[in-house]
Amino acid sequence: PEGYEFLSSEAIPSEFIEEGKHHLSLDTV
């Protein structure tokens, strides 16, 4: 339950980088 609370409240970065493309988002799991 403490892990669920953590991953429901902390924004975690995700990223995709390729020539000419760079996407980045911060969101909870």
PDB file of all heavy atoms in Angstrom:
ATOM      1  N   PRO A   1       0.809  -1.236   0.000  1.00  0.00           N
ATOM      2  CA  PRO A   1       0.000   0.000   0.000  1.00  0.00           C
ATOM      3  C   PRO A   1       0.836   1.277   0.000  1.00  0.00           C
ATOM      4  O   PRO A   1       0.469   2.265  -0.650  1.00  0.00           O
ATOM      5  CB  PRO A   1      -0.863  -0.118   1.253  1.00  0.00           C
ATOM      6  CG  PRO A   1      -0.249  -1.202   2.070  1.00  0.00           C
ATOM      7  CD  PRO A   1       0.526  -2.076   1.156  1.00  0.00           C
ATOM      8  N   GLU A   2       1.970   1.257   0.698  1.00  0.00           N
ATOM      9  CA  GLU A   2       2.828   2.449   0.711  1.00  0.00           C
ATOM     10  C   GLU A   2       3.461   2.678  -0.658  1.00  0.00           C
ATOM     11  O   GLU A   2       3.641   3.818  -1.099  1.00  0.00           O
ATOM     12  CB  GLU A   2       3.890   2.359   1.815  1.00  0.00           C
ATOM     13  CG  GLU A   2       4.960   1.296   1.596  1.00  0.00           C
ATOM     14  CD  GLU A   2       4.525  -0.171   1.725  1.00  0.00           C
ATOM     15  OE1 GLU A   2       3.486  -0.472   2.350  1.00  0.00           O
ATOM     16  OE2 GLU A   2       5.232  -1.038   1.183  1.00  0.00           O
ATOM     17  N   GLY A   3       3.770   1.599  -1.368  1.00  0.00           N
ATOM     18  CA  GLY A   3       4.308   1.711  -2.725  1.00  0.00           C
ATOM     19  C   GLY A   3       3.259   2.236  -3.690  1.00  0.00           C
ATOM     20  O   GLY A   3       3.560   3.058  -4.561  1.00  0.00           O
ATOM     21  N   TYR A   4       2.021   1.761  -3.522  1.00  0.00           N
ATOM     22  CA  TYR A   4       0.937   2.238  -4.381  1.00  0.00           C
ATOM     23  C   TYR A   4       0.729   3.730  -4.171  1.00  0.00           C
ATOM     24  O   TYR A   4       0.581   4.490  -5.136  1.00  0.00           O
ATOM     25  CB  TYR A   4      -0.363   1.473  -4.107  1.00  0.00           C
ATOM     26  CG  TYR A   4      -1.459   1.822  -5.072  1.00  0.00           C
ATOM     27  CD1 TYR A   4      -1.581   1.150  -6.277  1.00  0.00           C
ATOM     28  CD2 TYR A   4      -2.361   2.842  -4.799  1.00  0.00           C
ATOM     29  CE1 TYR A   4      -2.568   1.480  -7.192  1.00  0.00           C
ATOM     30  CE2 TYR A   4      -3.358   3.180  -5.697  1.00  0.00           C
ATOM     31  CZ  TYR A   4      -3.459   2.500  -6.893  1.00  0.00           C
ATOM     32  OH  TYR A   4      -4.436   2.839  -7.798  1.00  0.00           O
ATOM     33  N   GLU A   5       0.744   4.159  -2.925  1.00  0.00           N
ATOM     34  CA  GLU A   5       0.579   5.586  -2.617  1.00  0.00           C
ATOM     35  C   GLU A   5       1.712   6.398  -3.251  1.00  0.00           C
ATOM     36  O   GLU A   5       1.473   7.451  -3.848  1.00  0.00           O
ATOM     37  CB  GLU A   5       0.544   5.801  -1.107  1.00  0.00           C
ATOM     38  CG  GLU A   5       0.490   7.249  -0.680  1.00  0.00           C
ATOM     39  CD  GLU A   5      -0.710   8.024  -1.214  1.00  0.00           C
ATOM     40  OE1 GLU A   5      -1.801   7.429  -1.385  1.00  0.00           O
ATOM     41  OE2 GLU A   5      -0.553   9.234  -1.471  1.00  0.00           O
ATOM     42  N   PHE A   6       2.935   5.910  -3.125  1.00  0.00           N
ATOM     43  CA  PHE A   6       4.091   6.602  -3.699  1.00  0.00           C
ATOM     44  C   PHE A   6       3.960   6.729  -5.212  1.00  0.00           C
ATOM     45  O   PHE A   6       4.112   7.824  -5.772  1.00  0.00           O
ATOM     46  CB  PHE A   6       5.380   5.847  -3.330  1.00  0.00           C
ATOM     47  CG  PHE A   6       6.639   6.522  -3.794  1.00  0.00           C
ATOM     48  CD1 PHE A   6       7.321   7.382  -2.951  1.00  0.00           C
ATOM     49  CD2 PHE A   6       7.162   6.285  -5.061  1.00  0.00           C
ATOM     50  CE1 PHE A   6       8.494   8.009  -3.367  1.00  0.00           C
ATOM     51  CE2 PHE A   6       8.327   6.901  -5.486  1.00  0.00           C
ATOM     52  CZ  PHE A   6       8.993   7.771  -4.629  1.00  0.00           C
ATOM     53  N   LEU A   7       3.679   5.616  -5.902  1.00  0.00           N
ATOM     54  CA  LEU A   7       3.607   5.630  -7.364  1.00  0.00           C
ATOM     55  C   LEU A   7       2.325   6.274  -7.890  1.00  0.00           C
ATOM     56  O   LEU A   7       2.202   6.507  -9.093  1.00  0.00           O
ATOM     57  CB  LEU A   7       3.781   4.215  -7.919  1.00  0.00           C
ATOM     58  CG  LEU A   7       5.156   3.586  -7.657  1.00  0.00           C
ATOM     59  CD1 LEU A   7       5.207   2.144  -8.158  1.00  0.00           C
ATOM     60  CD2 LEU A   7       6.274   4.413  -8.284  1.00  0.00           C
ATOM     61  N   SER A   8       1.396   6.590  -6.980  1.00  0.00           N
ATOM     62  CA  SER A   8       0.177   7.321  -7.355  1.00  0.00           C
ATOM     63  C   SER A   8       0.325   8.821  -7.113  1.00  0.00           C
ATOM     64  O   SER A   8      -0.520   9.604  -7.542  1.00  0.00           O
ATOM     65  CB  SER A   8      -1.021   6.834  -6.536  1.00  0.00           C
ATOM     66  OG  SER A   8      -1.324   5.507  -6.836  1.00  0.00           O
ATOM     67  N   SER A   9       1.386   9.207  -6.420  1.00  0.00           N
ATOM     68  CA  SER A   9       1.513  10.617  -6.057  1.00  0.00           C
ATOM     69  C   SER A   9       2.791  11.287  -6.563  1.00  0.00           C
ATOM     70  O   SER A   9       2.833  12.503  -6.701  1.00  0.00           O
ATOM     71  CB  SER A   9       1.435  10.780  -4.534  1.00  0.00           C
ATOM     72  OG  SER A   9       2.468  10.048  -3.899  1.00  0.00           O
ATOM     73  N   GLU A  10       3.817  10.504  -6.850  1.00  0.00           N
ATOM     74  CA  GLU A  10       5.089  11.080  -7.315  1.00  0.00           C
ATOM     75  C   GLU A  10       5.170  11.042  -8.840  1.00  0.00           C
ATOM     76  O   GLU A  10       5.010   9.991  -9.450  1.00  0.00           O
ATOM     77  CB  GLU A  10       6.273  10.312  -6.725  1.00  0.00           C
ATOM     78  CG  GLU A  10       6.380  10.395  -5.218  1.00  0.00           C
ATOM     79  CD  GLU A  10       6.714  11.788  -4.714  1.00  0.00           C
ATOM     80  OE1 GLU A  10       7.287  12.606  -5.471  1.00  0.00           O
ATOM     81  OE2 GLU A  10       6.384  12.064  -3.535  1.00  0.00           O
ATOM     82  N   ALA A  11       5.419  12.191  -9.446  1.00  0.00           N
ATOM     83  CA  ALA A  11       5.551  12.277 -10.902  1.00  0.00           C
ATOM     84  C   ALA A  11       6.922  11.747 -11.310  1.00  0.00           C
ATOM     85  O   ALA A  11       7.947  12.198 -10.806  1.00  0.00           O
ATOM     86  CB  ALA A  11       5.376  13.716 -11.362  1.00  0.00           C
ATOM     87  N   ILE A  12       6.905  10.778 -12.204  1.00  0.00           N
ATOM     88  CA  ILE A  12       8.115  10.105 -12.675  1.00  0.00           C
ATOM     89  C   ILE A  12       8.327  10.479 -14.152  1.00  0.00           C
ATOM     90  O   ILE A  12       7.395  10.388 -14.954  1.00  0.00           O
ATOM     91  CB  ILE A  12       7.971   8.569 -12.537  1.00  0.00           C
ATOM     92  CG1 ILE A  12       7.557   8.173 -11.114  1.00  0.00           C
ATOM     93  CG2 ILE A  12       9.237   7.861 -12.985  1.00  0.00           C
ATOM     94  CD1 ILE A  12       8.507   8.597 -10.032  1.00  0.00           C
ATOM     95  N   PRO A  13       9.552  10.878 -14.518  1.00  0.00           N
ATOM     96  CA  PRO A  13       9.775  11.263 -15.916  1.00  0.00           C
ATOM     97  C   PRO A  13       9.902  10.063 -16.862  1.00  0.00           C
ATOM     98  O   PRO A  13      10.462   9.032 -16.507  1.00  0.00           O
ATOM     99  CB  PRO A  13      11.090  12.042 -15.859  1.00  0.00           C
ATOM    100  CG  PRO A  13      11.782  11.568 -14.634  1.00  0.00           C
ATOM    101  CD  PRO A  13      10.722  11.096 -13.678  1.00  0.00           C
ATOM    102  N   SER A  14       9.353  10.230 -18.050  1.00  0.00           N
ATOM    103  CA  SER A  14       9.501   9.280 -19.151  1.00  0.00           C
ATOM    104  C   SER A  14       9.960  10.083 -20.354  1.00  0.00           C
ATOM    105  O   SER A  14       9.560  11.234 -20.535  1.00  0.00           O
ATOM    106  CB  SER A  14       8.176   8.594 -19.462  1.00  0.00           C
ATOM    107  OG  SER A  14       7.753   7.822 -18.376  1.00  0.00           O
ATOM    108  N   GLU A  15      10.783   9.450 -21.201  1.00  0.00           N
ATOM    109  CA  GLU A  15      11.404  10.221 -22.280  1.00  0.00           C
ATOM    110  C   GLU A  15      11.649   9.352 -23.510  1.00  0.00           C
ATOM    111  O   GLU A  15      11.937   8.164 -23.402  1.00  0.00           O
ATOM    112  CB  GLU A  15      12.731  10.773 -21.764  1.00  0.00           C
ATOM    113  CG  GLU A  15      13.434  11.725 -22.666  1.00  0.00           C
ATOM    114  CD  GLU A  15      14.610  12.397 -21.959  1.00  0.00           C
ATOM    115  OE1 GLU A  15      15.277  11.752 -21.121  1.00  0.00           O
ATOM    116  OE2 GLU A  15      14.855  13.566 -22.249  1.00  0.00           O
ATOM    117  N   PHE A  16      11.530   9.977 -24.668  1.00  0.00           N
ATOM    118  CA  PHE A  16      11.886   9.366 -25.946  1.00  0.00           C
ATOM    119  C   PHE A  16      12.731  10.379 -26.707  1.00  0.00           C
ATOM    120  O   PHE A  16      12.330  11.525 -26.897  1.00  0.00           O
ATOM    121  CB  PHE A  16      10.639   9.011 -26.758  1.00  0.00           C
ATOM    122  CG  PHE A  16      10.951   8.467 -28.128  1.00  0.00           C
ATOM    123  CD1 PHE A  16      11.290   7.136 -28.287  1.00  0.00           C
ATOM    124  CD2 PHE A  16      10.931   9.289 -29.246  1.00  0.00           C
ATOM    125  CE1 PHE A  16      11.588   6.621 -29.543  1.00  0.00           C
ATOM    126  CE2 PHE A  16      11.234   8.787 -30.505  1.00  0.00           C
ATOM    127  CZ  PHE A  16      11.563   7.447 -30.648  1.00  0.00           C
ATOM    128  N   ILE A  17      13.907   9.931 -27.129  1.00  0.00           N
ATOM    129  CA  ILE A  17      14.804  10.802 -27.892  1.00  0.00           C
ATOM    130  C   ILE A  17      15.215  10.070 -29.166  1.00  0.00           C
ATOM    131  O   ILE A  17      15.650   8.922 -29.122  1.00  0.00           O
ATOM    132  CB  ILE A  17      16.075  11.162 -27.093  1.00  0.00           C
ATOM    133  CG1 ILE A  17      15.706  11.869 -25.795  1.00  0.00           C
ATOM    134  CG2 ILE A  17      17.004  12.020 -27.938  1.00  0.00           C
ATOM    135  CD1 ILE A  17      16.886  12.101 -24.870  1.00  0.00           C
ATOM    136  N   GLU A  18      15.041  10.747 -30.271  1.00  0.00           N
ATOM    137  CA  GLU A  18      15.457  10.238 -31.572  1.00  0.00           C
ATOM    138  C   GLU A  18      15.779  11.469 -32.413  1.00  0.00           C
ATOM    139  O   GLU A  18      15.267  12.557 -32.139  1.00  0.00           O
ATOM    140  CB  GLU A  18      14.306   9.436 -32.187  1.00  0.00           C
ATOM    141  CG  GLU A  18      14.629   8.806 -33.505  1.00  0.00           C
ATOM    142  CD  GLU A  18      13.466   7.954 -33.997  1.00  0.00           C
ATOM    143  OE1 GLU A  18      13.428   6.767 -33.649  1.00  0.00           O
ATOM    144  OE2 GLU A  18      12.612   8.486 -34.721  1.00  0.00           O
ATOM    145  N   GLU A  19      16.595  11.305 -33.407  1.00  0.00           N
ATOM    146  CA  GLU A  19      16.949  12.460 -34.235  1.00  0.00           C
ATOM    147  C   GLU A  19      15.688  13.185 -34.703  1.00  0.00           C
ATOM    148  O   GLU A  19      14.794  12.593 -35.314  1.00  0.00           O
ATOM    149  CB  GLU A  19      17.768  12.013 -35.442  1.00  0.00           C
ATOM    150  CG  GLU A  19      18.345  13.179 -36.226  1.00  0.00           C
ATOM    151  CD  GLU A  19      19.267  12.727 -37.341  1.00  0.00           C
ATOM    152  OE1 GLU A  19      19.899  11.661 -37.211  1.00  0.00           O
ATOM    153  OE2 GLU A  19      19.339  13.451 -38.344  1.00  0.00           O
ATOM    154  N   GLY A  20      15.595  14.450 -34.357  1.00  0.00           N
ATOM    155  CA  GLY A  20      14.447  15.273 -34.736  1.00  0.00           C
ATOM    156  C   GLY A  20      13.243  15.134 -33.823  1.00  0.00           C
ATOM    157  O   GLY A  20      12.238  15.806 -34.025  1.00  0.00           O
ATOM    158  N   LYS A  21      13.327  14.269 -32.798  1.00  0.00           N
ATOM    159  CA  LYS A  21      12.192  14.057 -31.882  1.00  0.00           C
ATOM    160  C   LYS A  21      12.700  13.977 -30.451  1.00  0.00           C
ATOM    161  O   LYS A  21      13.678  13.296 -30.166  1.00  0.00           O
ATOM    162  CB  LYS A  21      11.453  12.760 -32.206  1.00  0.00           C
ATOM    163  CG  LYS A  21      10.806  12.731 -33.552  1.00  0.00           C
ATOM    164  CD  LYS A  21      10.155  11.394 -33.811  1.00  0.00           C
ATOM    165  CE  LYS A  21       9.605  11.384 -35.222  1.00  0.00           C
ATOM    166  NZ  LYS A  21       9.224  10.077 -35.675  1.00  0.00           N
ATOM    167  N   HIS A  22      12.014  14.673 -29.582  1.00  0.00           N
ATOM    168  CA  HIS A  22      12.319  14.583 -28.154  1.00  0.00           C
ATOM    169  C   HIS A  22      11.009  14.788 -27.394  1.00  0.00           C
ATOM    170  O   HIS A  22      10.434  15.863 -27.412  1.00  0.00           O
ATOM    171  CB  HIS A  22      13.335  15.634 -27.733  1.00  0.00           C
ATOM    172  CG  HIS A  22      13.765  15.475 -26.319  1.00  0.00           C
ATOM    173  ND1 HIS A  22      14.545  16.393 -25.678  1.00  0.00           N
ATOM    174  CD2 HIS A  22      13.535  14.495 -25.397  1.00  0.00           C
ATOM    175  CE1 HIS A  22      14.788  16.006 -24.437  1.00  0.00           C
ATOM    176  NE2 HIS A  22      14.165  14.859 -24.249  1.00  0.00           N
ATOM    177  N   HIS A  23      10.543  13.723 -26.769  1.00  0.00           N
ATOM    178  CA  HIS A  23       9.305  13.778 -26.002  1.00  0.00           C
ATOM    179  C   HIS A  23       9.632  13.488 -24.545  1.00  0.00           C
ATOM    180  O   HIS A  23      10.366  12.549 -24.243  1.00  0.00           O
ATOM    181  CB  HIS A  23       8.295  12.744 -26.510  1.00  0.00           C
ATOM    182  CG  HIS A  23       7.976  12.902 -27.961  1.00  0.00           C
ATOM    183  ND1 HIS A  23       7.218  13.927 -28.445  1.00  0.00           N
ATOM    184  CD2 HIS A  23       8.330  12.154 -29.033  1.00  0.00           C
ATOM    185  CE1 HIS A  23       7.107  13.812 -29.749  1.00  0.00           C
ATOM    186  NE2 HIS A  23       7.780  12.740 -30.143  1.00  0.00           N
ATOM    187  N   LEU A  24       9.071  14.269 -23.641  1.00  0.00           N
ATOM    188  CA  LEU A  24       9.300  14.105 -22.215  1.00  0.00           C
ATOM    189  C   LEU A  24       8.005  14.396 -21.483  1.00  0.00           C
ATOM    190  O   LEU A  24       7.308  15.361 -21.781  1.00  0.00           O
ATOM    191  CB  LEU A  24      10.394  15.066 -21.739  1.00  0.00           C
ATOM    192  CG  LEU A  24      10.687  15.095 -20.246  1.00  0.00           C
ATOM    193  CD1 LEU A  24      11.321  13.777 -19.803  1.00  0.00           C
ATOM    194  CD2 LEU A  24      11.601  16.261 -19.905  1.00  0.00           C
ATOM    195  N   SER A  25       7.679  13.538 -20.530  1.00  0.00           N
ATOM    196  CA  SER A  25       6.469  13.735 -19.733  1.00  0.00           C
ATOM    197  C   SER A  25       6.755  13.377 -18.285  1.00  0.00           C
ATOM    198  O   SER A  25       7.562  12.496 -17.989  1.00  0.00           O
ATOM    199  CB  SER A  25       5.337  12.848 -20.266  1.00  0.00           C
ATOM    200  OG  SER A  25       4.182  12.999 -19.468  1.00  0.00           O
ATOM    201  N   LEU A  26       6.102  14.077 -17.389  1.00  0.00           N
ATOM    202  CA  LEU A  26       6.144  13.781 -15.962  1.00  0.00           C
ATOM    203  C   LEU A  26       4.747  13.374 -15.538  1.00  0.00           C
ATOM    204  O   LEU A  26       3.797  14.131 -15.726  1.00  0.00           O
ATOM    205  CB  LEU A  26       6.532  15.031 -15.155  1.00  0.00           C
ATOM    206  CG  LEU A  26       7.994  15.388 -15.088  1.00  0.00           C
ATOM    207  CD1 LEU A  26       8.174  16.756 -14.459  1.00  0.00           C
ATOM    208  CD2 LEU A  26       8.750  14.350 -14.293  1.00  0.00           C
ATOM    209  N   ASP A  27       4.621  12.173 -14.995  1.00  0.00           N
ATOM    210  CA  ASP A  27       3.307  11.728 -14.533  1.00  0.00           C
ATOM    211  C   ASP A  27       3.485  10.566 -13.575  1.00  0.00           C
ATOM    212  O   ASP A  27       4.551   9.968 -13.497  1.00  0.00           O
ATOM    213  CB  ASP A  27       2.422  11.313 -15.704  1.00  0.00           C
ATOM    214  CG  ASP A  27       0.955  11.633 -15.473  1.00  0.00           C
ATOM    215  OD1 ASP A  27       0.519  11.655 -14.300  1.00  0.00           O
ATOM    216  OD2 ASP A  27       0.240  11.858 -16.461  1.00  0.00           O
ATOM    217  N   THR A  28       2.421  10.244 -12.872  1.00  0.00           N
ATOM    218  CA  THR A  28       2.447   9.137 -11.932  1.00  0.00           C
ATOM    219  C   THR A  28       2.296   7.811 -12.679  1.00  0.00           C
ATOM    220  O   THR A  28       1.750   7.771 -13.775  1.00  0.00           O
ATOM    221  CB  THR A  28       1.316   9.283 -10.903  1.00  0.00           C
ATOM    222  OG1 THR A  28       0.069   9.352 -11.596  1.00  0.00           O
ATOM    223  CG2 THR A  28       1.505  10.535 -10.049  1.00  0.00           C
ATOM    224  N   VAL A  29       2.776   6.742 -12.074  1.00  0.00           N
ATOM    225  CA  VAL A  29       2.627   5.405 -12.659  1.00  0.00           C
ATOM    226  C   VAL A  29       1.169   4.981 -12.592  1.00  0.00           C
ATOM    227  O   VAL A  29       0.619   4.432 -13.546  1.00  0.00           O
ATOM    228  CB  VAL A  29       3.536   4.393 -11.944  1.00  0.00           C
ATOM    229  CG1 VAL A  29       3.265   2.972 -12.433  1.00  0.00           C
ATOM    230  CG2 VAL A  29       5.007   4.764 -12.140  1.00  0.00           C
TER     231      VAL A  29
END
